[in-house]
Structure formats: structure tokens, C-alpha cells
């Protein structure tokens, strides 16, 4: 789970520029780019974590399906946040909590 959280922090904060954060509510391509970077980062850090801990991963199809689901949920969730609740501190905390819950569900499915 720690590697998923690290992937989340990198993808949602470190690899999201200030311009992306400002524009993703106005430009669907920016939101798609952010979401793709986020999912690629989460998936890469998760797989790197498995490799570093010596664990075997035998279900790339399941990972692809679950990362696809994360892509859709992350995109829709961020779209709703920036279009409906942009600037609200409560929306920010709820957004982050929902992202972590999604990653926890991903972790449960992956075993």
C-alpha cells in the first residue's frame, strides 16, 4: 500500500504542474494529461515496489483493468472537483480521501 500512496503523491502533486492544476478545469486535454501521468506513475511505482520487495506479479491483465478503472475514476473525480467545488478546502480533503480509498481498493483486488 505504501508504494501506491507514494505513486499517488508523486502523480497528484510532484508531477502535476501549477499550470496543469489551474487549467485542468478549463481544458479537457490538460485533465487527460494529468490523469494519464497520475495512472502511469501509480502503476510504475507499484510495480517498482513489487520488484524491490522481491514479490512476484503474475496478473498484468488485472492490473491493466484496475488502472483503467483508476483512470476513469480519477478523471471524473478531478473534473467534478474543479468544475463544481474548485477552491473549497473540504472538496480538496474529500478528493484526497477518495483517491486513497480507490488505491486501497486497488490494493485489495491485486492481493
PDB file of N, CA and C in Angstrom:
ATOM      1  N   UNK A   1       0.828  -1.205   0.000  1.00  0.00           N
ATOM      2  CA  UNK A   1       0.000   0.000   0.000  1.00  0.00           C
ATOM      3  C   UNK A   1       0.865   1.259   0.000  1.00  0.00           C
ATOM      4  N   UNK A   2       2.031   1.178   0.659  1.00  0.00           N
ATOM      5  CA  UNK A   2       2.896   2.353   0.732  1.00  0.00           C
ATOM      6  C   UNK A   2       3.369   2.794  -0.644  1.00  0.00           C
ATOM      7  N   UNK A   3       3.612   1.823  -1.524  1.00  0.00           N
ATOM      8  CA  UNK A   3       4.056   2.188  -2.869  1.00  0.00           C
ATOM      9  C   UNK A   3       2.925   2.856  -3.657  1.00  0.00           C
ATOM     10  N   UNK A   4       1.699   2.435  -3.431  1.00  0.00           N
ATOM     11  CA  UNK A   4       0.557   3.084  -4.086  1.00  0.00           C
ATOM     12  C   UNK A   4       0.405   4.521  -3.594  1.00  0.00           C
ATOM     13  N   UNK A   5       0.577   4.720  -2.290  1.00  0.00           N
ATOM     14  CA  UNK A   5       0.489   6.075  -1.735  1.00  0.00           C
ATOM     15  C   UNK A   5       1.623   6.943  -2.274  1.00  0.00           C
ATOM     16  N   UNK A   6       2.832   6.384  -2.369  1.00  0.00           N
ATOM     17  CA  UNK A   6       3.945   7.131  -2.947  1.00  0.00           C
ATOM     18  C   UNK A   6       3.638   7.503  -4.396  1.00  0.00           C
ATOM     19  N   UNK A   7       3.099   6.554  -5.169  1.00  0.00           N
ATOM     20  CA  UNK A   7       2.705   6.842  -6.549  1.00  0.00           C
ATOM     21  C   UNK A   7       1.666   7.940  -6.616  1.00  0.00           C
ATOM     22  N   UNK A   8       0.716   7.912  -5.680  1.00  0.00           N
ATOM     23  CA  UNK A   8      -0.322   8.945  -5.621  1.00  0.00           C
ATOM     24  C   UNK A   8       0.307  10.316  -5.354  1.00  0.00           C
ATOM     25  N   UNK A   9       1.179  10.381  -4.362  1.00  0.00           N
ATOM     26  CA  UNK A   9       1.800  11.661  -4.020  1.00  0.00           C
ATOM     27  C   UNK A   9       2.614  12.212  -5.185  1.00  0.00           C
ATOM     28  N   UNK A  10       3.365  11.347  -5.846  1.00  0.00           N
ATOM     29  CA  UNK A  10       4.151  11.801  -6.996  1.00  0.00           C
ATOM     30  C   UNK A  10       3.247  12.242  -8.144  1.00  0.00           C
ATOM     31  N   UNK A  11       2.248  11.406  -8.469  1.00  0.00           N
ATOM     32  CA  UNK A  11       1.389  11.684  -9.616  1.00  0.00           C
ATOM     33  C   UNK A  11       0.449  12.855  -9.419  1.00  0.00           C
ATOM     34  N   UNK A  12      -0.064  13.014  -8.205  1.00  0.00           N
ATOM     35  CA  UNK A  12      -1.059  14.062  -7.969  1.00  0.00           C
ATOM     36  C   UNK A  12      -0.431  15.380  -7.533  1.00  0.00           C
ATOM     37  N   UNK A  13       0.816  15.350  -7.082  1.00  0.00           N
ATOM     38  CA  UNK A  13       1.447  16.577  -6.605  1.00  0.00           C
ATOM     39  C   UNK A  13       2.755  16.881  -7.341  1.00  0.00           C
ATOM     40  N   UNK A  14       3.728  15.995  -7.240  1.00  0.00           N
ATOM     41  CA  UNK A  14       5.053  16.292  -7.804  1.00  0.00           C
ATOM     42  C   UNK A  14       5.026  16.434  -9.318  1.00  0.00           C
ATOM     43  N   UNK A  15       4.254  15.589 -10.002  1.00  0.00           N
ATOM     44  CA  UNK A  15       4.247  15.607 -11.463  1.00  0.00           C
ATOM     45  C   UNK A  15       3.098  16.424 -12.055  1.00  0.00           C
ATOM     46  N   UNK A  16       2.342  17.086 -11.209  1.00  0.00           N
ATOM     47  CA  UNK A  16       1.287  17.982 -11.691  1.00  0.00           C
ATOM     48  C   UNK A  16       1.789  19.417 -11.522  1.00  0.00           C
ATOM     49  N   UNK A  17       1.989  20.091 -12.622  1.00  0.00           N
ATOM     50  CA  UNK A  17       2.497  21.458 -12.551  1.00  0.00           C
ATOM     51  C   UNK A  17       1.395  22.408 -12.070  1.00  0.00           C
ATOM     52  N   UNK A  18       1.804  23.600 -11.675  1.00  0.00           N
ATOM     53  CA  UNK A  18       0.818  24.611 -11.284  1.00  0.00           C
ATOM     54  C   UNK A  18      -0.097  24.942 -12.454  1.00  0.00           C
ATOM     55  N   UNK A  19       0.478  24.986 -13.654  1.00  0.00           N
ATOM     56  CA  UNK A  19      -0.333  25.269 -14.846  1.00  0.00           C
ATOM     57  C   UNK A  19      -1.370  24.177 -15.066  1.00  0.00           C
ATOM     58  N   UNK A  20      -0.987  22.928 -14.871  1.00  0.00           N
ATOM     59  CA  UNK A  20      -1.958  21.826 -15.006  1.00  0.00           C
ATOM     60  C   UNK A  20      -3.091  21.989 -13.991  1.00  0.00           C
ATOM     61  N   UNK A  21      -2.721  22.277 -12.761  1.00  0.00           N
ATOM     62  CA  UNK A  21      -3.733  22.420 -11.708  1.00  0.00           C
ATOM     63  C   UNK A  21      -4.709  23.545 -12.038  1.00  0.00           C
ATOM     64  N   UNK A  22      -4.207  24.641 -12.608  1.00  0.00           N
ATOM     65  CA  UNK A  22      -5.079  25.771 -12.981  1.00  0.00           C
ATOM     66  C   UNK A  22      -5.947  25.450 -14.187  1.00  0.00           C
ATOM     67  N   UNK A  23      -5.373  24.785 -15.172  1.00  0.00           N
ATOM     68  CA  UNK A  23      -6.041  24.610 -16.466  1.00  0.00           C
ATOM     69  C   UNK A  23      -6.902  23.360 -16.590  1.00  0.00           C
ATOM     70  N   UNK A  24      -6.739  22.384 -15.713  1.00  0.00           N
ATOM     71  CA  UNK A  24      -7.443  21.123 -15.916  1.00  0.00           C
ATOM     72  C   UNK A  24      -8.960  21.264 -15.822  1.00  0.00           C
ATOM     73  N   UNK A  25      -9.444  22.318 -15.202  1.00  0.00           N
ATOM     74  CA  UNK A  25     -10.883  22.557 -15.164  1.00  0.00           C
ATOM     75  C   UNK A  25     -11.415  23.214 -16.423  1.00  0.00           C
ATOM     76  N   UNK A  26     -10.525  23.837 -17.191  1.00  0.00           N
ATOM     77  CA  UNK A  26     -10.934  24.540 -18.408  1.00  0.00           C
ATOM     78  C   UNK A  26     -10.573  23.798 -19.682  1.00  0.00           C
ATOM     79  N   UNK A  27      -9.573  22.950 -19.609  1.00  0.00           N
ATOM     80  CA  UNK A  27      -9.080  22.289 -20.809  1.00  0.00           C
ATOM     81  C   UNK A  27      -9.068  20.775 -20.595  1.00  0.00           C
ATOM     82  N   UNK A  28      -9.962  20.052 -21.278  1.00  0.00           N
ATOM     83  CA  UNK A  28     -10.036  18.596 -21.092  1.00  0.00           C
ATOM     84  C   UNK A  28      -8.732  17.873 -21.411  1.00  0.00           C
ATOM     85  N   UNK A  29      -7.942  18.406 -22.353  1.00  0.00           N
ATOM     86  CA  UNK A  29      -6.662  17.767 -22.676  1.00  0.00           C
ATOM     87  C   UNK A  29      -5.692  17.830 -21.494  1.00  0.00           C
ATOM     88  N   UNK A  30      -5.714  18.926 -20.780  1.00  0.00           N
ATOM     89  CA  UNK A  30      -4.843  19.059 -19.610  1.00  0.00           C
ATOM     90  C   UNK A  30      -5.263  18.061 -18.544  1.00  0.00           C
ATOM     91  N   UNK A  31      -6.556  17.921 -18.320  1.00  0.00           N
ATOM     92  CA  UNK A  31      -7.045  16.954 -17.343  1.00  0.00           C
ATOM     93  C   UNK A  31      -6.707  15.528 -17.779  1.00  0.00           C
ATOM     94  N   UNK A  32      -6.851  15.225 -19.067  1.00  0.00           N
ATOM     95  CA  UNK A  32      -6.477  13.902 -19.572  1.00  0.00           C
ATOM     96  C   UNK A  32      -4.987  13.651 -19.384  1.00  0.00           C
ATOM     97  N   UNK A  33      -4.171  14.655 -19.660  1.00  0.00           N
ATOM     98  CA  UNK A  33      -2.722  14.519 -19.487  1.00  0.00           C
ATOM     99  C   UNK A  33      -2.372  14.267 -18.026  1.00  0.00           C
ATOM    100  N   UNK A  34      -2.952  15.057 -17.131  1.00  0.00           N
ATOM    101  CA  UNK A  34      -2.711  14.864 -15.697  1.00  0.00           C
ATOM    102  C   UNK A  34      -3.115  13.457 -15.278  1.00  0.00           C
ATOM    103  N   UNK A  35      -4.286  13.017 -15.721  1.00  0.00           N
ATOM    104  CA  UNK A  35      -4.785  11.697 -15.329  1.00  0.00           C
ATOM    105  C   UNK A  35      -3.880  10.590 -15.864  1.00  0.00           C
ATOM    106  N   UNK A  36      -3.429  10.715 -17.094  1.00  0.00           N
ATOM    107  CA  UNK A  36      -2.528   9.712 -17.673  1.00  0.00           C
ATOM    108  C   UNK A  36      -1.209   9.661 -16.907  1.00  0.00           C
ATOM    109  N   UNK A  37      -0.661  10.822 -16.574  1.00  0.00           N
ATOM    110  CA  UNK A  37       0.575  10.872 -15.793  1.00  0.00           C
ATOM    111  C   UNK A  37       0.358  10.247 -14.423  1.00  0.00           C
ATOM    112  N   UNK A  38      -0.761  10.555 -13.803  1.00  0.00           N
ATOM    113  CA  UNK A  38      -1.093  10.013 -12.485  1.00  0.00           C
ATOM    114  C   UNK A  38      -1.142   8.489 -12.523  1.00  0.00           C
ATOM    115  N   UNK A  39      -1.896   7.940 -13.458  1.00  0.00           N
ATOM    116  CA  UNK A  39      -2.070   6.483 -13.528  1.00  0.00           C
ATOM    117  C   UNK A  39      -0.752   5.796 -13.892  1.00  0.00           C
ATOM    118  N   UNK A  40       0.007   6.378 -14.812  1.00  0.00           N
ATOM    119  CA  UNK A  40       1.304   5.806 -15.173  1.00  0.00           C
ATOM    120  C   UNK A  40       2.242   5.813 -13.966  1.00  0.00           C
ATOM    121  N   UNK A  41       2.198   6.870 -13.191  1.00  0.00           N
ATOM    122  CA  UNK A  41       3.058   6.972 -12.011  1.00  0.00           C
ATOM    123  C   UNK A  41       2.643   5.960 -10.952  1.00  0.00           C
ATOM    124  N   UNK A  42       1.358   5.879 -10.664  1.00  0.00           N
ATOM    125  CA  UNK A  42       0.883   4.921  -9.668  1.00  0.00           C
ATOM    126  C   UNK A  42       1.248   3.494 -10.088  1.00  0.00           C
ATOM    127  N   UNK A  43       0.990   3.150 -11.340  1.00  0.00           N
ATOM    128  CA  UNK A  43       1.300   1.805 -11.821  1.00  0.00           C
ATOM    129  C   UNK A  43       2.789   1.511 -11.789  1.00  0.00           C
ATOM    130  N   UNK A  44       3.598   2.462 -12.209  1.00  0.00           N
ATOM    131  CA  UNK A  44       5.054   2.264 -12.237  1.00  0.00           C
ATOM    132  C   UNK A  44       5.633   2.121 -10.840  1.00  0.00           C
ATOM    133  N   UNK A  45       5.206   2.970  -9.936  1.00  0.00           N
ATOM    134  CA  UNK A  45       5.734   2.906  -8.571  1.00  0.00           C
ATOM    135  C   UNK A  45       5.275   1.609  -7.901  1.00  0.00           C
ATOM    136  N   UNK A  46       4.042   1.190  -8.166  1.00  0.00           N
ATOM    137  CA  UNK A  46       3.560  -0.076  -7.605  1.00  0.00           C
ATOM    138  C   UNK A  46       4.409  -1.246  -8.106  1.00  0.00           C
ATOM    139  N   UNK A  47       4.643  -1.310  -9.414  1.00  0.00           N
ATOM    140  CA  UNK A  47       5.450  -2.397  -9.971  1.00  0.00           C
ATOM    141  C   UNK A  47       6.895  -2.332  -9.481  1.00  0.00           C
ATOM    142  N   UNK A  48       7.443  -1.128  -9.358  1.00  0.00           N
ATOM    143  CA  UNK A  48       8.795  -0.978  -8.816  1.00  0.00           C
ATOM    144  C   UNK A  48       8.840  -1.464  -7.368  1.00  0.00           C
ATOM    145  N   UNK A  49       7.803  -1.170  -6.622  1.00  0.00           N
ATOM    146  CA  UNK A  49       7.731  -1.636  -5.238  1.00  0.00           C
ATOM    147  C   UNK A  49       7.697  -3.152  -5.149  1.00  0.00           C
ATOM    148  N   UNK A  50       6.947  -3.785  -6.031  1.00  0.00           N
ATOM    149  CA  UNK A  50       6.931  -5.249  -6.051  1.00  0.00           C
ATOM    150  C   UNK A  50       8.324  -5.790  -6.352  1.00  0.00           C
ATOM    151  N   UNK A  51       8.972  -5.185  -7.343  1.00  0.00           N
ATOM    152  CA  UNK A  51      10.310  -5.629  -7.724  1.00  0.00           C
ATOM    153  C   UNK A  51      11.297  -5.446  -6.573  1.00  0.00           C
ATOM    154  N   UNK A  52      11.234  -4.290  -5.905  1.00  0.00           N
ATOM    155  CA  UNK A  52      12.154  -4.009  -4.800  1.00  0.00           C
ATOM    156  C   UNK A  52      11.959  -4.942  -3.617  1.00  0.00           C
ATOM    157  N   UNK A  53      10.728  -5.358  -3.392  1.00  0.00           N
ATOM    158  CA  UNK A  53      10.445  -6.245  -2.258  1.00  0.00           C
ATOM    159  C   UNK A  53      10.538  -7.714  -2.643  1.00  0.00           C
ATOM    160  N   UNK A  54      10.837  -7.984  -3.905  1.00  0.00           N
ATOM    161  CA  UNK A  54      11.002  -9.364  -4.337  1.00  0.00           C
ATOM    162  C   UNK A  54       9.713 -10.128  -4.532  1.00  0.00           C
ATOM    163  N   UNK A  55       8.601  -9.421  -4.607  1.00  0.00           N
ATOM    164  CA  UNK A  55       7.318 -10.090  -4.800  1.00  0.00           C
ATOM    165  C   UNK A  55       7.071 -10.301  -6.286  1.00  0.00           C
ATOM    166  N   UNK A  56       6.374 -11.375  -6.576  1.00  0.00           N
ATOM    167  CA  UNK A  56       6.085 -11.719  -7.966  1.00  0.00           C
ATOM    168  C   UNK A  56       4.721 -11.171  -8.352  1.00  0.00           C
ATOM    169  N   UNK A  57       4.636 -10.688  -9.565  1.00  0.00           N
ATOM    170  CA  UNK A  57       3.367 -10.180 -10.081  1.00  0.00           C
ATOM    171  C   UNK A  57       3.010 -10.986 -11.313  1.00  0.00           C
ATOM    172  N   UNK A  58       1.872 -11.669 -11.246  1.00  0.00           N
ATOM    173  CA  UNK A  58       1.542 -12.589 -12.335  1.00  0.00           C
ATOM    174  C   UNK A  58       0.262 -12.241 -13.085  1.00  0.00           C
ATOM    175  N   UNK A  59      -0.309 -11.080 -12.826  1.00  0.00           N
ATOM    176  CA  UNK A  59      -1.581 -10.753 -13.476  1.00  0.00           C
ATOM    177  C   UNK A  59      -1.556  -9.364 -14.119  1.00  0.00           C
ATOM    178  N   UNK A  60      -0.827  -9.210 -15.230  1.00  0.00           N
ATOM    179  CA  UNK A  60      -0.799  -7.896 -15.872  1.00  0.00           C
ATOM    180  C   UNK A  60      -2.159  -7.470 -16.413  1.00  0.00           C
ATOM    181  N   UNK A  61      -2.987  -8.422 -16.815  1.00  0.00           N
ATOM    182  CA  UNK A  61      -4.317  -8.081 -17.311  1.00  0.00           C
ATOM    183  C   UNK A  61      -5.178  -7.450 -16.234  1.00  0.00           C
ATOM    184  N   UNK A  62      -5.128  -8.025 -15.037  1.00  0.00           N
ATOM    185  CA  UNK A  62      -5.881  -7.470 -13.913  1.00  0.00           C
ATOM    186  C   UNK A  62      -5.372  -6.081 -13.568  1.00  0.00           C
ATOM    187  N   UNK A  63      -4.058  -5.907 -13.558  1.00  0.00           N
ATOM    188  CA  UNK A  63      -3.503  -4.585 -13.272  1.00  0.00           C
ATOM    189  C   UNK A  63      -3.961  -3.570 -14.315  1.00  0.00           C
ATOM    190  N   UNK A  64      -3.964  -3.958 -15.579  1.00  0.00           N
ATOM    191  CA  UNK A  64      -4.396  -3.046 -16.643  1.00  0.00           C
ATOM    192  C   UNK A  64      -5.855  -2.651 -16.462  1.00  0.00           C
ATOM    193  N   UNK A  65      -6.702  -3.593 -16.128  1.00  0.00           N
ATOM    194  CA  UNK A  65      -8.128  -3.300 -15.918  1.00  0.00           C
ATOM    195  C   UNK A  65      -8.310  -2.361 -14.727  1.00  0.00           C
ATOM    196  N   UNK A  66      -7.615  -2.647 -13.642  1.00  0.00           N
ATOM    197  CA  UNK A  66      -7.764  -1.828 -12.445  1.00  0.00           C
ATOM    198  C   UNK A  66      -7.179  -0.428 -12.637  1.00  0.00           C
ATOM    199  N   UNK A  67      -6.060  -0.323 -13.344  1.00  0.00           N
ATOM    200  CA  UNK A  67      -5.519   1.008 -13.624  1.00  0.00           C
ATOM    201  C   UNK A  67      -6.433   1.778 -14.576  1.00  0.00           C
ATOM    202  N   UNK A  68      -7.086   1.069 -15.486  1.00  0.00           N
ATOM    203  CA  UNK A  68      -8.080   1.714 -16.344  1.00  0.00           C
ATOM    204  C   UNK A  68      -9.237   2.269 -15.522  1.00  0.00           C
ATOM    205  N   UNK A  69      -9.670   1.495 -14.541  1.00  0.00           N
ATOM    206  CA  UNK A  69     -10.746   1.965 -13.657  1.00  0.00           C
ATOM    207  C   UNK A  69     -10.279   3.173 -12.849  1.00  0.00           C
ATOM    208  N   UNK A  70      -9.050   3.127 -12.350  1.00  0.00           N
ATOM    209  CA  UNK A  70      -8.499   4.265 -11.614  1.00  0.00           C
ATOM    210  C   UNK A  70      -8.446   5.495 -12.523  1.00  0.00           C
ATOM    211  N   UNK A  71      -8.071   5.286 -13.798  1.00  0.00           N
ATOM    212  CA  UNK A  71      -8.028   6.392 -14.756  1.00  0.00           C
ATOM    213  C   UNK A  71      -9.403   7.056 -14.856  1.00  0.00           C
ATOM    214  N   UNK A  72     -10.437   6.250 -15.072  1.00  0.00           N
ATOM    215  CA  UNK A  72     -11.786   6.790 -15.235  1.00  0.00           C
ATOM    216  C   UNK A  72     -12.238   7.507 -13.965  1.00  0.00           C
ATOM    217  N   UNK A  73     -12.058   6.869 -12.806  1.00  0.00           N
ATOM    218  CA  UNK A  73     -12.493   7.480 -11.551  1.00  0.00           C
ATOM    219  C   UNK A  73     -11.700   8.747 -11.233  1.00  0.00           C
ATOM    220  N   UNK A  74     -10.398   8.714 -11.455  1.00  0.00           N
ATOM    221  CA  UNK A  74      -9.576   9.895 -11.163  1.00  0.00           C
ATOM    222  C   UNK A  74      -9.993  11.059 -12.075  1.00  0.00           C
ATOM    223  N   UNK A  75     -10.171  10.767 -13.351  1.00  0.00           N
ATOM    224  CA  UNK A  75     -10.579  11.802 -14.304  1.00  0.00           C
ATOM    225  C   UNK A  75     -11.916  12.418 -13.889  1.00  0.00           C
ATOM    226  N   UNK A  76     -12.923  11.581 -13.659  1.00  0.00           N
ATOM    227  CA  UNK A  76     -14.255  12.095 -13.309  1.00  0.00           C
ATOM    228  C   UNK A  76     -14.243  12.836 -11.973  1.00  0.00           C
ATOM    229  N   UNK A  77     -13.507  12.295 -11.020  1.00  0.00           N
ATOM    230  CA  UNK A  77     -13.436  12.925  -9.708  1.00  0.00           C
ATOM    231  C   UNK A  77     -12.764  14.293  -9.783  1.00  0.00           C
ATOM    232  N   UNK A  78     -11.653  14.384 -10.500  1.00  0.00           N
ATOM    233  CA  UNK A  78     -10.988  15.684 -10.647  1.00  0.00           C
ATOM    234  C   UNK A  78     -11.834  16.658 -11.460  1.00  0.00           C
ATOM    235  N   UNK A  79     -12.512  16.160 -12.473  1.00  0.00           N
ATOM    236  CA  UNK A  79     -13.395  17.011 -13.274  1.00  0.00           C
ATOM    237  C   UNK A  79     -14.489  17.607 -12.395  1.00  0.00           C
ATOM    238  N   UNK A  80     -15.117  16.771 -11.595  1.00  0.00           N
ATOM    239  CA  UNK A  80     -16.167  17.245 -10.680  1.00  0.00           C
ATOM    240  C   UNK A  80     -15.595  18.245  -9.681  1.00  0.00           C
ATOM    241  N   UNK A  81     -14.415  17.951  -9.155  1.00  0.00           N
ATOM    242  CA  UNK A  81     -13.812  18.841  -8.160  1.00  0.00           C
ATOM    243  C   UNK A  81     -13.525  20.225  -8.754  1.00  0.00           C
ATOM    244  N   UNK A  82     -12.911  20.266  -9.927  1.00  0.00           N
ATOM    245  CA  UNK A  82     -12.528  21.569 -10.475  1.00  0.00           C
ATOM    246  C   UNK A  82     -13.703  22.333 -11.070  1.00  0.00           C
ATOM    247  N   UNK A  83     -14.706  21.624 -11.546  1.00  0.00           N
ATOM    248  CA  UNK A  83     -15.847  22.313 -12.161  1.00  0.00           C
ATOM    249  C   UNK A  83     -16.910  22.716 -11.144  1.00  0.00           C
ATOM    250  N   UNK A  84     -17.060  21.942 -10.098  1.00  0.00           N
ATOM    251  CA  UNK A  84     -18.154  22.187  -9.164  1.00  0.00           C
ATOM    252  C   UNK A  84     -17.687  22.744  -7.822  1.00  0.00           C
ATOM    253  N   UNK A  85     -16.519  22.275  -7.361  1.00  0.00           N
ATOM    254  CA  UNK A  85     -16.100  22.615  -6.000  1.00  0.00           C
ATOM    255  C   UNK A  85     -14.732  23.274  -5.943  1.00  0.00           C
ATOM    256  N   UNK A  86     -14.248  23.848  -7.025  1.00  0.00           N
ATOM    257  CA  UNK A  86     -12.897  24.390  -7.066  1.00  0.00           C
ATOM    258  C   UNK A  86     -12.698  25.456  -5.988  1.00  0.00           C
ATOM    259  N   UNK A  87     -11.601  25.304  -5.254  1.00  0.00           N
ATOM    260  CA  UNK A  87     -11.277  26.285  -4.224  1.00  0.00           C
ATOM    261  C   UNK A  87     -11.750  25.918  -2.832  1.00  0.00           C
ATOM    262  N   UNK A  88     -12.593  24.942  -2.709  1.00  0.00           N
ATOM    263  CA  UNK A  88     -13.113  24.550  -1.402  1.00  0.00           C
ATOM    264  C   UNK A  88     -12.114  23.640  -0.689  1.00  0.00           C
ATOM    265  N   UNK A  89     -11.783  23.971   0.528  1.00  0.00           N
ATOM    266  CA  UNK A  89     -10.871  23.141   1.320  1.00  0.00           C
ATOM    267  C   UNK A  89     -11.493  21.767   1.591  1.00  0.00           C
ATOM    268  N   UNK A  90     -12.789  21.747   1.862  1.00  0.00           N
ATOM    269  CA  UNK A  90     -13.474  20.480   2.111  1.00  0.00           C
ATOM    270  C   UNK A  90     -13.428  19.583   0.871  1.00  0.00           C
ATOM    271  N   UNK A  91     -13.599  20.174  -0.305  1.00  0.00           N
ATOM    272  CA  UNK A  91     -13.537  19.402  -1.544  1.00  0.00           C
ATOM    273  C   UNK A  91     -12.149  18.821  -1.738  1.00  0.00           C
ATOM    274  N   UNK A  92     -11.123  19.580  -1.409  1.00  0.00           N
ATOM    275  CA  UNK A  92      -9.746  19.095  -1.525  1.00  0.00           C
ATOM    276  C   UNK A  92      -9.534  17.871  -0.643  1.00  0.00           C
ATOM    277  N   UNK A  93      -9.933  17.949   0.622  1.00  0.00           N
ATOM    278  CA  UNK A  93      -9.741  16.828   1.548  1.00  0.00           C
ATOM    279  C   UNK A  93     -10.565  15.613   1.130  1.00  0.00           C
ATOM    280  N   UNK A  94     -11.789  15.846   0.694  1.00  0.00           N
ATOM    281  CA  UNK A  94     -12.627  14.742   0.226  1.00  0.00           C
ATOM    282  C   UNK A  94     -12.010  14.099  -1.011  1.00  0.00           C
ATOM    283  N   UNK A  95     -11.516  14.921  -1.929  1.00  0.00           N
ATOM    284  CA  UNK A  95     -10.865  14.428  -3.133  1.00  0.00           C
ATOM    285  C   UNK A  95      -9.682  13.528  -2.781  1.00  0.00           C
ATOM    286  N   UNK A  96      -8.840  13.977  -1.879  1.00  0.00           N
ATOM    287  CA  UNK A  96      -7.675  13.181  -1.497  1.00  0.00           C
ATOM    288  C   UNK A  96      -8.085  11.893  -0.787  1.00  0.00           C
ATOM    289  N   UNK A  97      -9.068  11.970   0.084  1.00  0.00           N
ATOM    290  CA  UNK A  97      -9.543  10.765   0.780  1.00  0.00           C
ATOM    291  C   UNK A  97     -10.094   9.745  -0.213  1.00  0.00           C
ATOM    292  N   UNK A  98     -10.866  10.212  -1.189  1.00  0.00           N
ATOM    293  CA  UNK A  98     -11.418   9.294  -2.192  1.00  0.00           C
ATOM    294  C   UNK A  98     -10.318   8.675  -3.050  1.00  0.00           C
ATOM    295  N   UNK A  99      -9.274   9.436  -3.383  1.00  0.00           N
ATOM    296  CA  UNK A  99      -8.153   8.869  -4.138  1.00  0.00           C
ATOM    297  C   UNK A  99      -7.480   7.750  -3.342  1.00  0.00           C
ATOM    298  N   UNK A 100      -7.267   7.961  -2.053  1.00  0.00           N
ATOM    299  CA  UNK A 100      -6.628   6.945  -1.213  1.00  0.00           C
ATOM    300  C   UNK A 100      -7.529   5.720  -1.077  1.00  0.00           C
ATOM    301  N   UNK A 101      -8.825   5.927  -0.934  1.00  0.00           N
ATOM    302  CA  UNK A 101      -9.766   4.799  -0.862  1.00  0.00           C
ATOM    303  C   UNK A 101      -9.718   3.993  -2.158  1.00  0.00           C
ATOM    304  N   UNK A 102      -9.670   4.674  -3.297  1.00  0.00           N
ATOM    305  CA  UNK A 102      -9.574   3.976  -4.583  1.00  0.00           C
ATOM    306  C   UNK A 102      -8.306   3.132  -4.653  1.00  0.00           C
ATOM    307  N   UNK A 103      -7.208   3.672  -4.173  1.00  0.00           N
ATOM    308  CA  UNK A 103      -5.954   2.913  -4.187  1.00  0.00           C
ATOM    309  C   UNK A 103      -6.008   1.736  -3.222  1.00  0.00           C
ATOM    310  N   UNK A 104      -6.689   1.904  -2.101  1.00  0.00           N
ATOM    311  CA  UNK A 104      -6.853   0.791  -1.161  1.00  0.00           C
ATOM    312  C   UNK A 104      -7.656  -0.334  -1.807  1.00  0.00           C
ATOM    313  N   UNK A 105      -8.705   0.027  -2.536  1.00  0.00           N
ATOM    314  CA  UNK A 105      -9.498  -0.977  -3.242  1.00  0.00           C
ATOM    315  C   UNK A 105      -8.644  -1.660  -4.304  1.00  0.00           C
ATOM    316  N   UNK A 106      -7.838  -0.879  -5.035  1.00  0.00           N
ATOM    317  CA  UNK A 106      -6.907  -1.465  -5.994  1.00  0.00           C
ATOM    318  C   UNK A 106      -5.994  -2.466  -5.302  1.00  0.00           C
ATOM    319  N   UNK A 107      -5.456  -2.114  -4.156  1.00  0.00           N
ATOM    320  CA  UNK A 107      -4.558  -2.997  -3.415  1.00  0.00           C
ATOM    321  C   UNK A 107      -5.272  -4.282  -3.009  1.00  0.00           C
ATOM    322  N   UNK A 108      -6.523  -4.164  -2.567  1.00  0.00           N
ATOM    323  CA  UNK A 108      -7.284  -5.368  -2.181  1.00  0.00           C
ATOM    324  C   UNK A 108      -7.480  -6.292  -3.376  1.00  0.00           C
ATOM    325  N   UNK A 109      -7.791  -5.737  -4.538  1.00  0.00           N
ATOM    326  CA  UNK A 109      -8.014  -6.548  -5.735  1.00  0.00           C
ATOM    327  C   UNK A 109      -6.729  -7.229  -6.207  1.00  0.00           C
ATOM    328  N   UNK A 110      -5.598  -6.524  -6.046  1.00  0.00           N
ATOM    329  CA  UNK A 110      -4.343  -7.086  -6.524  1.00  0.00           C
ATOM    330  C   UNK A 110      -3.753  -8.109  -5.543  1.00  0.00           C
ATOM    331  N   UNK A 111      -4.260  -8.112  -4.326  1.00  0.00           N
ATOM    332  CA  UNK A 111      -3.792  -9.116  -3.356  1.00  0.00           C
ATOM    333  C   UNK A 111      -2.568  -8.761  -2.611  1.00  0.00           C
TER     334      UNK A 111
END
